[in-house]
Amino acid sequence: STNRSQHAATPDQADWANAYFGKA
């Protein structure tokens, strides 16, 4: 939840968070 333009082309961060936190 950010306005930083560097994120425009980054991978889906929900996928990252679901793997990073969800598996643990």
mmCIF file of all heavy atoms, coordinates in Angstrom:
data_MODEL
# 
_entry.id   MODEL 
# 
loop_
_atom_site.group_PDB 
_atom_site.id 
_atom_site.type_symbol 
_atom_site.label_atom_id 
_atom_site.label_alt_id 
_atom_site.label_comp_id 
_atom_site.label_asym_id 
_atom_site.label_entity_id 
_atom_site.label_seq_id 
_atom_site.pdbx_PDB_ins_code 
_atom_site.Cartn_x 
_atom_site.Cartn_y 
_atom_site.Cartn_z 
_atom_site.occupancy 
_atom_site.B_iso_or_equiv 
_atom_site.pdbx_formal_charge 
_atom_site.auth_seq_id 
_atom_site.auth_comp_id 
_atom_site.auth_asym_id 
_atom_site.auth_atom_id 
_atom_site.pdbx_PDB_model_num 
ATOM 1   N N   . SER A 1 1  ? 0.874  -1.176  0.000   1.00 0.00 ? 1  SER A N   1 
ATOM 2   C CA  . SER A 1 1  ? 0.000  0.000   0.000   1.00 0.00 ? 1  SER A CA  1 
ATOM 3   C C   . SER A 1 1  ? 0.913  1.228   0.000   1.00 0.00 ? 1  SER A C   1 
ATOM 4   O O   . SER A 1 1  ? 1.189  1.833   1.037   1.00 0.00 ? 1  SER A O   1 
ATOM 5   C CB  . SER A 1 1  ? -0.904 -0.015  1.236   1.00 0.00 ? 1  SER A CB  1 
ATOM 6   O OG  . SER A 1 1  ? -1.740 1.123   1.260   1.00 0.00 ? 1  SER A OG  1 
ATOM 7   N N   . THR A 1 2  ? 1.395  1.564   -1.182  1.00 0.00 ? 2  THR A N   1 
ATOM 8   C CA  . THR A 1 2  ? 2.420  2.595   -1.315  1.00 0.00 ? 2  THR A CA  1 
ATOM 9   C C   . THR A 1 2  ? 2.313  3.281   -2.670  1.00 0.00 ? 2  THR A C   1 
ATOM 10  O O   . THR A 1 2  ? 1.763  2.709   -3.613  1.00 0.00 ? 2  THR A O   1 
ATOM 11  C CB  . THR A 1 2  ? 3.828  1.977   -1.161  1.00 0.00 ? 2  THR A CB  1 
ATOM 12  O OG1 . THR A 1 2  ? 4.825  2.965   -1.374  1.00 0.00 ? 2  THR A OG1 1 
ATOM 13  C CG2 . THR A 1 2  ? 4.046  0.836   -2.153  1.00 0.00 ? 2  THR A CG2 1 
ATOM 14  N N   . ASN A 1 3  ? 2.827  4.489   -2.748  1.00 0.00 ? 3  ASN A N   1 
ATOM 15  C CA  . ASN A 1 3  ? 2.796  5.268   -3.990  1.00 0.00 ? 3  ASN A CA  1 
ATOM 16  C C   . ASN A 1 3  ? 4.136  5.265   -4.701  1.00 0.00 ? 3  ASN A C   1 
ATOM 17  O O   . ASN A 1 3  ? 4.357  6.076   -5.608  1.00 0.00 ? 3  ASN A O   1 
ATOM 18  C CB  . ASN A 1 3  ? 2.404  6.719   -3.679  1.00 0.00 ? 3  ASN A CB  1 
ATOM 19  C CG  . ASN A 1 3  ? 1.345  6.833   -2.614  1.00 0.00 ? 3  ASN A CG  1 
ATOM 20  O OD1 . ASN A 1 3  ? 1.656  7.176   -1.486  1.00 0.00 ? 3  ASN A OD1 1 
ATOM 21  N ND2 . ASN A 1 3  ? 0.112  6.538   -2.951  1.00 0.00 ? 3  ASN A ND2 1 
ATOM 22  N N   . ARG A 1 4  ? 5.028  4.396   -4.319  1.00 0.00 ? 4  ARG A N   1 
ATOM 23  C CA  . ARG A 1 4  ? 6.377  4.427   -4.888  1.00 0.00 ? 4  ARG A CA  1 
ATOM 24  C C   . ARG A 1 4  ? 6.387  3.803   -6.279  1.00 0.00 ? 4  ARG A C   1 
ATOM 25  O O   . ARG A 1 4  ? 6.058  2.624   -6.454  1.00 0.00 ? 4  ARG A O   1 
ATOM 26  C CB  . ARG A 1 4  ? 7.354  3.743   -3.943  1.00 0.00 ? 4  ARG A CB  1 
ATOM 27  C CG  . ARG A 1 4  ? 7.405  4.537   -2.641  1.00 0.00 ? 4  ARG A CG  1 
ATOM 28  C CD  . ARG A 1 4  ? 8.393  4.051   -1.633  1.00 0.00 ? 4  ARG A CD  1 
ATOM 29  N NE  . ARG A 1 4  ? 8.317  4.907   -0.445  1.00 0.00 ? 4  ARG A NE  1 
ATOM 30  C CZ  . ARG A 1 4  ? 9.016  4.731   0.647   1.00 0.00 ? 4  ARG A CZ  1 
ATOM 31  N NH1 . ARG A 1 4  ? 9.879  3.740   0.712   1.00 0.00 ? 4  ARG A NH1 1 
ATOM 32  N NH2 . ARG A 1 4  ? 8.879  5.549   1.668   1.00 0.00 ? 4  ARG A NH2 1 
ATOM 33  N N   . SER A 1 5  ? 6.789  4.603   -7.248  1.00 0.00 ? 5  SER A N   1 
ATOM 34  C CA  . SER A 1 5  ? 6.689  4.200   -8.648  1.00 0.00 ? 5  SER A CA  1 
ATOM 35  C C   . SER A 1 5  ? 7.577  3.010   -8.983  1.00 0.00 ? 5  SER A C   1 
ATOM 36  O O   . SER A 1 5  ? 7.334  2.328   -9.981  1.00 0.00 ? 5  SER A O   1 
ATOM 37  C CB  . SER A 1 5  ? 7.041  5.384   -9.553  1.00 0.00 ? 5  SER A CB  1 
ATOM 38  O OG  . SER A 1 5  ? 8.358  5.852   -9.277  1.00 0.00 ? 5  SER A OG  1 
ATOM 39  N N   . GLN A 1 6  ? 8.596  2.741   -8.154  1.00 0.00 ? 6  GLN A N   1 
ATOM 40  C CA  . GLN A 1 6  ? 9.473  1.599   -8.424  1.00 0.00 ? 6  GLN A CA  1 
ATOM 41  C C   . GLN A 1 6  ? 8.719  0.274   -8.413  1.00 0.00 ? 6  GLN A C   1 
ATOM 42  O O   . GLN A 1 6  ? 9.190  -0.734  -8.935  1.00 0.00 ? 6  GLN A O   1 
ATOM 43  C CB  . GLN A 1 6  ? 10.609 1.527   -7.397  1.00 0.00 ? 6  GLN A CB  1 
ATOM 44  C CG  . GLN A 1 6  ? 11.500 2.759   -7.356  1.00 0.00 ? 6  GLN A CG  1 
ATOM 45  C CD  . GLN A 1 6  ? 11.129 3.673   -6.198  1.00 0.00 ? 6  GLN A CD  1 
ATOM 46  O OE1 . GLN A 1 6  ? 9.957  4.004   -6.029  1.00 0.00 ? 6  GLN A OE1 1 
ATOM 47  N NE2 . GLN A 1 6  ? 12.114 4.062   -5.404  1.00 0.00 ? 6  GLN A NE2 1 
ATOM 48  N N   . HIS A 1 7  ? 7.528  0.281   -7.806  1.00 0.00 ? 7  HIS A N   1 
ATOM 49  C CA  . HIS A 1 7  ? 6.761  -0.955  -7.696  1.00 0.00 ? 7  HIS A CA  1 
ATOM 50  C C   . HIS A 1 7  ? 5.926  -1.267  -8.941  1.00 0.00 ? 7  HIS A C   1 
ATOM 51  O O   . HIS A 1 7  ? 5.311  -2.331  -9.014  1.00 0.00 ? 7  HIS A O   1 
ATOM 52  C CB  . HIS A 1 7  ? 5.837  -0.908  -6.482  1.00 0.00 ? 7  HIS A CB  1 
ATOM 53  C CG  . HIS A 1 7  ? 6.452  -1.450  -5.237  1.00 0.00 ? 7  HIS A CG  1 
ATOM 54  N ND1 . HIS A 1 7  ? 6.969  -2.716  -5.142  1.00 0.00 ? 7  HIS A ND1 1 
ATOM 55  C CD2 . HIS A 1 7  ? 6.627  -0.878  -4.024  1.00 0.00 ? 7  HIS A CD2 1 
ATOM 56  C CE1 . HIS A 1 7  ? 7.439  -2.919  -3.928  1.00 0.00 ? 7  HIS A CE1 1 
ATOM 57  N NE2 . HIS A 1 7  ? 7.247  -1.818  -3.222  1.00 0.00 ? 7  HIS A NE2 1 
ATOM 58  N N   . ALA A 1 8  ? 5.885  -0.376  -9.904  1.00 0.00 ? 8  ALA A N   1 
ATOM 59  C CA  . ALA A 1 8  ? 5.005  -0.562  -11.058 1.00 0.00 ? 8  ALA A CA  1 
ATOM 60  C C   . ALA A 1 8  ? 5.224  -1.901  -11.745 1.00 0.00 ? 8  ALA A C   1 
ATOM 61  O O   . ALA A 1 8  ? 4.270  -2.546  -12.199 1.00 0.00 ? 8  ALA A O   1 
ATOM 62  C CB  . ALA A 1 8  ? 5.192  0.582   -12.047 1.00 0.00 ? 8  ALA A CB  1 
ATOM 63  N N   . ALA A 1 9  ? 6.467  -2.322  -11.854 1.00 0.00 ? 9  ALA A N   1 
ATOM 64  C CA  . ALA A 1 9  ? 6.779  -3.545  -12.589 1.00 0.00 ? 9  ALA A CA  1 
ATOM 65  C C   . ALA A 1 9  ? 7.254  -4.682  -11.695 1.00 0.00 ? 9  ALA A C   1 
ATOM 66  O O   . ALA A 1 9  ? 7.724  -5.706  -12.198 1.00 0.00 ? 9  ALA A O   1 
ATOM 67  C CB  . ALA A 1 9  ? 7.840  -3.247  -13.651 1.00 0.00 ? 9  ALA A CB  1 
ATOM 68  N N   . THR A 1 10 ? 7.143  -4.541  -10.388 1.00 0.00 ? 10 THR A N   1 
ATOM 69  C CA  . THR A 1 10 ? 7.596  -5.611  -9.509  1.00 0.00 ? 10 THR A CA  1 
ATOM 70  C C   . THR A 1 10 ? 6.582  -6.753  -9.500  1.00 0.00 ? 10 THR A C   1 
ATOM 71  O O   . THR A 1 10 ? 5.406  -6.558  -9.800  1.00 0.00 ? 10 THR A O   1 
ATOM 72  C CB  . THR A 1 10 ? 7.813  -5.104  -8.074  1.00 0.00 ? 10 THR A CB  1 
ATOM 73  O OG1 . THR A 1 10 ? 6.597  -4.528  -7.587  1.00 0.00 ? 10 THR A OG1 1 
ATOM 74  C CG2 . THR A 1 10 ? 8.927  -4.082  -8.030  1.00 0.00 ? 10 THR A CG2 1 
ATOM 75  N N   . PRO A 1 11 ? 7.021  -7.953  -9.156  1.00 0.00 ? 11 PRO A N   1 
ATOM 76  C CA  . PRO A 1 11 ? 6.105  -9.104  -9.120  1.00 0.00 ? 11 PRO A CA  1 
ATOM 77  C C   . PRO A 1 11 ? 4.967  -8.877  -8.123  1.00 0.00 ? 11 PRO A C   1 
ATOM 78  O O   . PRO A 1 11 ? 5.031  -7.994  -7.265  1.00 0.00 ? 11 PRO A O   1 
ATOM 79  C CB  . PRO A 1 11 ? 7.008  -10.258 -8.677  1.00 0.00 ? 11 PRO A CB  1 
ATOM 80  C CG  . PRO A 1 11 ? 8.392  -9.820  -9.013  1.00 0.00 ? 11 PRO A CG  1 
ATOM 81  C CD  . PRO A 1 11 ? 8.410  -8.324  -8.845  1.00 0.00 ? 11 PRO A CD  1 
ATOM 82  N N   . ASP A 1 12 ? 3.926  -9.691  -8.245  1.00 0.00 ? 12 ASP A N   1 
ATOM 83  C CA  . ASP A 1 12 ? 2.780  -9.615  -7.337  1.00 0.00 ? 12 ASP A CA  1 
ATOM 84  C C   . ASP A 1 12 ? 3.266  -9.829  -5.904  1.00 0.00 ? 12 ASP A C   1 
ATOM 85  O O   . ASP A 1 12 ? 3.770  -10.902 -5.564  1.00 0.00 ? 12 ASP A O   1 
ATOM 86  C CB  . ASP A 1 12 ? 1.752  -10.679 -7.714  1.00 0.00 ? 12 ASP A CB  1 
ATOM 87  C CG  . ASP A 1 12 ? 0.440  -10.524 -6.960  1.00 0.00 ? 12 ASP A CG  1 
ATOM 88  O OD1 . ASP A 1 12 ? 0.483  -10.283 -5.734  1.00 0.00 ? 12 ASP A OD1 1 
ATOM 89  O OD2 . ASP A 1 12 ? -0.622 -10.651 -7.584  1.00 0.00 ? 12 ASP A OD2 1 
ATOM 90  N N   . GLN A 1 13 ? 3.098  -8.829  -5.090  1.00 0.00 ? 13 GLN A N   1 
ATOM 91  C CA  . GLN A 1 13 ? 3.615  -8.898  -3.734  1.00 0.00 ? 13 GLN A CA  1 
ATOM 92  C C   . GLN A 1 13 ? 2.710  -9.687  -2.791  1.00 0.00 ? 13 GLN A C   1 
ATOM 93  O O   . GLN A 1 13 ? 3.136  -10.088 -1.708  1.00 0.00 ? 13 GLN A O   1 
ATOM 94  C CB  . GLN A 1 13 ? 3.885  -7.495  -3.196  1.00 0.00 ? 13 GLN A CB  1 
ATOM 95  C CG  . GLN A 1 13 ? 5.051  -6.803  -3.883  1.00 0.00 ? 13 GLN A CG  1 
ATOM 96  C CD  . GLN A 1 13 ? 6.342  -7.574  -3.753  1.00 0.00 ? 13 GLN A CD  1 
ATOM 97  O OE1 . GLN A 1 13 ? 6.972  -7.593  -2.700  1.00 0.00 ? 13 GLN A OE1 1 
ATOM 98  N NE2 . GLN A 1 13 ? 6.758  -8.264  -4.818  1.00 0.00 ? 13 GLN A NE2 1 
ATOM 99  N N   . ALA A 1 14 ? 1.478  -9.930  -3.217  1.00 0.00 ? 14 ALA A N   1 
ATOM 100 C CA  . ALA A 1 14 ? 0.642  -10.857 -2.449  1.00 0.00 ? 14 ALA A CA  1 
ATOM 101 C C   . ALA A 1 14 ? 1.195  -12.267 -2.567  1.00 0.00 ? 14 ALA A C   1 
ATOM 102 O O   . ALA A 1 14 ? 1.232  -13.018 -1.582  1.00 0.00 ? 14 ALA A O   1 
ATOM 103 C CB  . ALA A 1 14 ? -0.796 -10.807 -2.938  1.00 0.00 ? 14 ALA A CB  1 
ATOM 104 N N   . ASP A 1 15 ? 1.648  -12.641 -3.769  1.00 0.00 ? 15 ASP A N   1 
ATOM 105 C CA  . ASP A 1 15 ? 2.253  -13.960 -3.955  1.00 0.00 ? 15 ASP A CA  1 
ATOM 106 C C   . ASP A 1 15 ? 3.483  -14.106 -3.059  1.00 0.00 ? 15 ASP A C   1 
ATOM 107 O O   . ASP A 1 15 ? 3.690  -15.150 -2.426  1.00 0.00 ? 15 ASP A O   1 
ATOM 108 C CB  . ASP A 1 15 ? 2.659  -14.164 -5.415  1.00 0.00 ? 15 ASP A CB  1 
ATOM 109 C CG  . ASP A 1 15 ? 1.462  -14.308 -6.341  1.00 0.00 ? 15 ASP A CG  1 
ATOM 110 O OD1 . ASP A 1 15 ? 0.345  -14.545 -5.837  1.00 0.00 ? 15 ASP A OD1 1 
ATOM 111 O OD2 . ASP A 1 15 ? 1.648  -14.172 -7.569  1.00 0.00 ? 15 ASP A OD2 1 
ATOM 112 N N   . TRP A 1 16 ? 4.292  -13.041 -3.020  1.00 0.00 ? 16 TRP A N   1 
ATOM 113 C CA  . TRP A 1 16 ? 5.469  -13.079 -2.157  1.00 0.00 ? 16 TRP A CA  1 
ATOM 114 C C   . TRP A 1 16 ? 5.063  -13.242 -0.693  1.00 0.00 ? 16 TRP A C   1 
ATOM 115 O O   . TRP A 1 16 ? 5.585  -14.118 0.017   1.00 0.00 ? 16 TRP A O   1 
ATOM 116 C CB  . TRP A 1 16 ? 6.293  -11.797 -2.314  1.00 0.00 ? 16 TRP A CB  1 
ATOM 117 C CG  . TRP A 1 16 ? 7.253  -11.603 -1.187  1.00 0.00 ? 16 TRP A CG  1 
ATOM 118 C CD1 . TRP A 1 16 ? 8.433  -12.262 -0.985  1.00 0.00 ? 16 TRP A CD1 1 
ATOM 119 C CD2 . TRP A 1 16 ? 7.083  -10.745 -0.044  1.00 0.00 ? 16 TRP A CD2 1 
ATOM 120 N NE1 . TRP A 1 16 ? 9.012  -11.864 0.205   1.00 0.00 ? 16 TRP A NE1 1 
ATOM 121 C CE2 . TRP A 1 16 ? 8.203  -10.932 0.795   1.00 0.00 ? 16 TRP A CE2 1 
ATOM 122 C CE3 . TRP A 1 16 ? 6.093  -9.838  0.323   1.00 0.00 ? 16 TRP A CE3 1 
ATOM 123 C CZ2 . TRP A 1 16 ? 8.359  -10.230 1.994   1.00 0.00 ? 16 TRP A CZ2 1 
ATOM 124 C CZ3 . TRP A 1 16 ? 6.240  -9.143  1.519   1.00 0.00 ? 16 TRP A CZ3 1 
ATOM 125 C CH2 . TRP A 1 16 ? 7.360  -9.338  2.341   1.00 0.00 ? 16 TRP A CH2 1 
ATOM 126 N N   . ALA A 1 17 ? 4.144  -12.417 -0.214  1.00 0.00 ? 17 ALA A N   1 
ATOM 127 C CA  . ALA A 1 17 ? 3.763  -12.439 1.200   1.00 0.00 ? 17 ALA A CA  1 
ATOM 128 C C   . ALA A 1 17 ? 3.091  -13.758 1.579   1.00 0.00 ? 17 ALA A C   1 
ATOM 129 O O   . ALA A 1 17 ? 3.336  -14.299 2.667   1.00 0.00 ? 17 ALA A O   1 
ATOM 130 C CB  . ALA A 1 17 ? 2.838  -11.262 1.515   1.00 0.00 ? 17 ALA A CB  1 
ATOM 131 N N   . ASN A 1 18 ? 2.242  -14.274 0.688   1.00 0.00 ? 18 ASN A N   1 
ATOM 132 C CA  . ASN A 1 18 ? 1.575  -15.539 0.989   1.00 0.00 ? 18 ASN A CA  1 
ATOM 133 C C   . ASN A 1 18 ? 2.567  -16.677 1.121   1.00 0.00 ? 18 ASN A C   1 
ATOM 134 O O   . ASN A 1 18 ? 2.379  -17.591 1.929   1.00 0.00 ? 18 ASN A O   1 
ATOM 135 C CB  . ASN A 1 18 ? 0.538  -15.860 -0.099  1.00 0.00 ? 18 ASN A CB  1 
ATOM 136 C CG  . ASN A 1 18 ? -0.721 -15.020 0.044   1.00 0.00 ? 18 ASN A CG  1 
ATOM 137 O OD1 . ASN A 1 18 ? -1.177 -14.751 1.142   1.00 0.00 ? 18 ASN A OD1 1 
ATOM 138 N ND2 . ASN A 1 18 ? -1.276 -14.593 -1.069  1.00 0.00 ? 18 ASN A ND2 1 
ATOM 139 N N   . ALA A 1 19 ? 3.634  -16.630 0.337   1.00 0.00 ? 19 ALA A N   1 
ATOM 140 C CA  . ALA A 1 19 ? 4.672  -17.656 0.459   1.00 0.00 ? 19 ALA A CA  1 
ATOM 141 C C   . ALA A 1 19 ? 5.574  -17.386 1.662   1.00 0.00 ? 19 ALA A C   1 
ATOM 142 O O   . ALA A 1 19 ? 5.854  -18.289 2.465   1.00 0.00 ? 19 ALA A O   1 
ATOM 143 C CB  . ALA A 1 19 ? 5.499  -17.713 -0.824  1.00 0.00 ? 19 ALA A CB  1 
ATOM 144 N N   . TYR A 1 20 ? 6.004  -16.141 1.806   1.00 0.00 ? 20 TYR A N   1 
ATOM 145 C CA  . TYR A 1 20 ? 6.983  -15.778 2.828   1.00 0.00 ? 20 TYR A CA  1 
ATOM 146 C C   . TYR A 1 20 ? 6.427  -15.973 4.238   1.00 0.00 ? 20 TYR A C   1 
ATOM 147 O O   . TYR A 1 20 ? 7.076  -16.560 5.111   1.00 0.00 ? 20 TYR A O   1 
ATOM 148 C CB  . TYR A 1 20 ? 7.396  -14.320 2.608   1.00 0.00 ? 20 TYR A CB  1 
ATOM 149 C CG  . TYR A 1 20 ? 8.561  -13.841 3.440   1.00 0.00 ? 20 TYR A CG  1 
ATOM 150 C CD1 . TYR A 1 20 ? 9.860  -14.142 3.073   1.00 0.00 ? 20 TYR A CD1 1 
ATOM 151 C CD2 . TYR A 1 20 ? 8.358  -13.049 4.562   1.00 0.00 ? 20 TYR A CD2 1 
ATOM 152 C CE1 . TYR A 1 20 ? 10.947 -13.689 3.822   1.00 0.00 ? 20 TYR A CE1 1 
ATOM 153 C CE2 . TYR A 1 20 ? 9.426  -12.579 5.318   1.00 0.00 ? 20 TYR A CE2 1 
ATOM 154 C CZ  . TYR A 1 20 ? 10.716 -12.903 4.941   1.00 0.00 ? 20 TYR A CZ  1 
ATOM 155 O OH  . TYR A 1 20 ? 11.778 -12.445 5.669   1.00 0.00 ? 20 TYR A OH  1 
ATOM 156 N N   . PHE A 1 21 ? 5.221  -15.486 4.467   1.00 0.00 ? 21 PHE A N   1 
ATOM 157 C CA  . PHE A 1 21 ? 4.605  -15.595 5.790   1.00 0.00 ? 21 PHE A CA  1 
ATOM 158 C C   . PHE A 1 21 ? 3.695  -16.815 5.892   1.00 0.00 ? 21 PHE A C   1 
ATOM 159 O O   . PHE A 1 21 ? 3.625  -17.449 6.945   1.00 0.00 ? 21 PHE A O   1 
ATOM 160 C CB  . PHE A 1 21 ? 3.792  -14.339 6.110   1.00 0.00 ? 21 PHE A CB  1 
ATOM 161 C CG  . PHE A 1 21 ? 4.615  -13.109 6.310   1.00 0.00 ? 21 PHE A CG  1 
ATOM 162 C CD1 . PHE A 1 21 ? 4.669  -12.137 5.323   1.00 0.00 ? 21 PHE A CD1 1 
ATOM 163 C CD2 . PHE A 1 21 ? 5.335  -12.902 7.467   1.00 0.00 ? 21 PHE A CD2 1 
ATOM 164 C CE1 . PHE A 1 21 ? 5.422  -10.987 5.495   1.00 0.00 ? 21 PHE A CE1 1 
ATOM 165 C CE2 . PHE A 1 21 ? 6.094  -11.761 7.657   1.00 0.00 ? 21 PHE A CE2 1 
ATOM 166 C CZ  . PHE A 1 21 ? 6.137  -10.796 6.661   1.00 0.00 ? 21 PHE A CZ  1 
ATOM 167 N N   . GLY A 1 22 ? 2.959  -17.087 4.817   1.00 0.00 ? 22 GLY A N   1 
ATOM 168 C CA  . GLY A 1 22 ? 1.947  -18.134 4.873   1.00 0.00 ? 22 GLY A CA  1 
ATOM 169 C C   . GLY A 1 22 ? 2.513  -19.513 5.170   1.00 0.00 ? 22 GLY A C   1 
ATOM 170 O O   . GLY A 1 22 ? 1.953  -20.267 5.977   1.00 0.00 ? 22 GLY A O   1 
ATOM 171 N N   . LYS A 1 23 ? 3.629  -19.863 4.538   1.00 0.00 ? 23 LYS A N   1 
ATOM 172 C CA  . LYS A 1 23 ? 4.216  -21.171 4.764   1.00 0.00 ? 23 LYS A CA  1 
ATOM 173 C C   . LYS A 1 23 ? 4.687  -21.324 6.211   1.00 0.00 ? 23 LYS A C   1 
ATOM 174 O O   . LYS A 1 23 ? 4.498  -22.380 6.834   1.00 0.00 ? 23 LYS A O   1 
ATOM 175 C CB  . LYS A 1 23 ? 5.371  -21.399 3.792   1.00 0.00 ? 23 LYS A CB  1 
ATOM 176 C CG  . LYS A 1 23 ? 4.914  -21.580 2.346   1.00 0.00 ? 23 LYS A CG  1 
ATOM 177 C CD  . LYS A 1 23 ? 6.099  -21.775 1.410   1.00 0.00 ? 23 LYS A CD  1 
ATOM 178 C CE  . LYS A 1 23 ? 5.634  -21.925 -0.037  1.00 0.00 ? 23 LYS A CE  1 
ATOM 179 N NZ  . LYS A 1 23 ? 6.794  -22.074 -0.973  1.00 0.00 ? 23 LYS A NZ  1 
ATOM 180 N N   . ALA A 1 24 ? 5.286  -20.273 6.746   1.00 0.00 ? 24 ALA A N   1 
ATOM 181 C CA  . ALA A 1 24 ? 5.742  -20.326 8.136   1.00 0.00 ? 24 ALA A CA  1 
ATOM 182 C C   . ALA A 1 24 ? 4.562  -20.438 9.088   1.00 0.00 ? 24 ALA A C   1 
ATOM 183 O O   . ALA A 1 24 ? 4.589  -21.217 10.055  1.00 0.00 ? 24 ALA A O   1 
ATOM 184 C CB  . ALA A 1 24 ? 6.580  -19.093 8.454   1.00 0.00 ? 24 ALA A CB  1 
# 
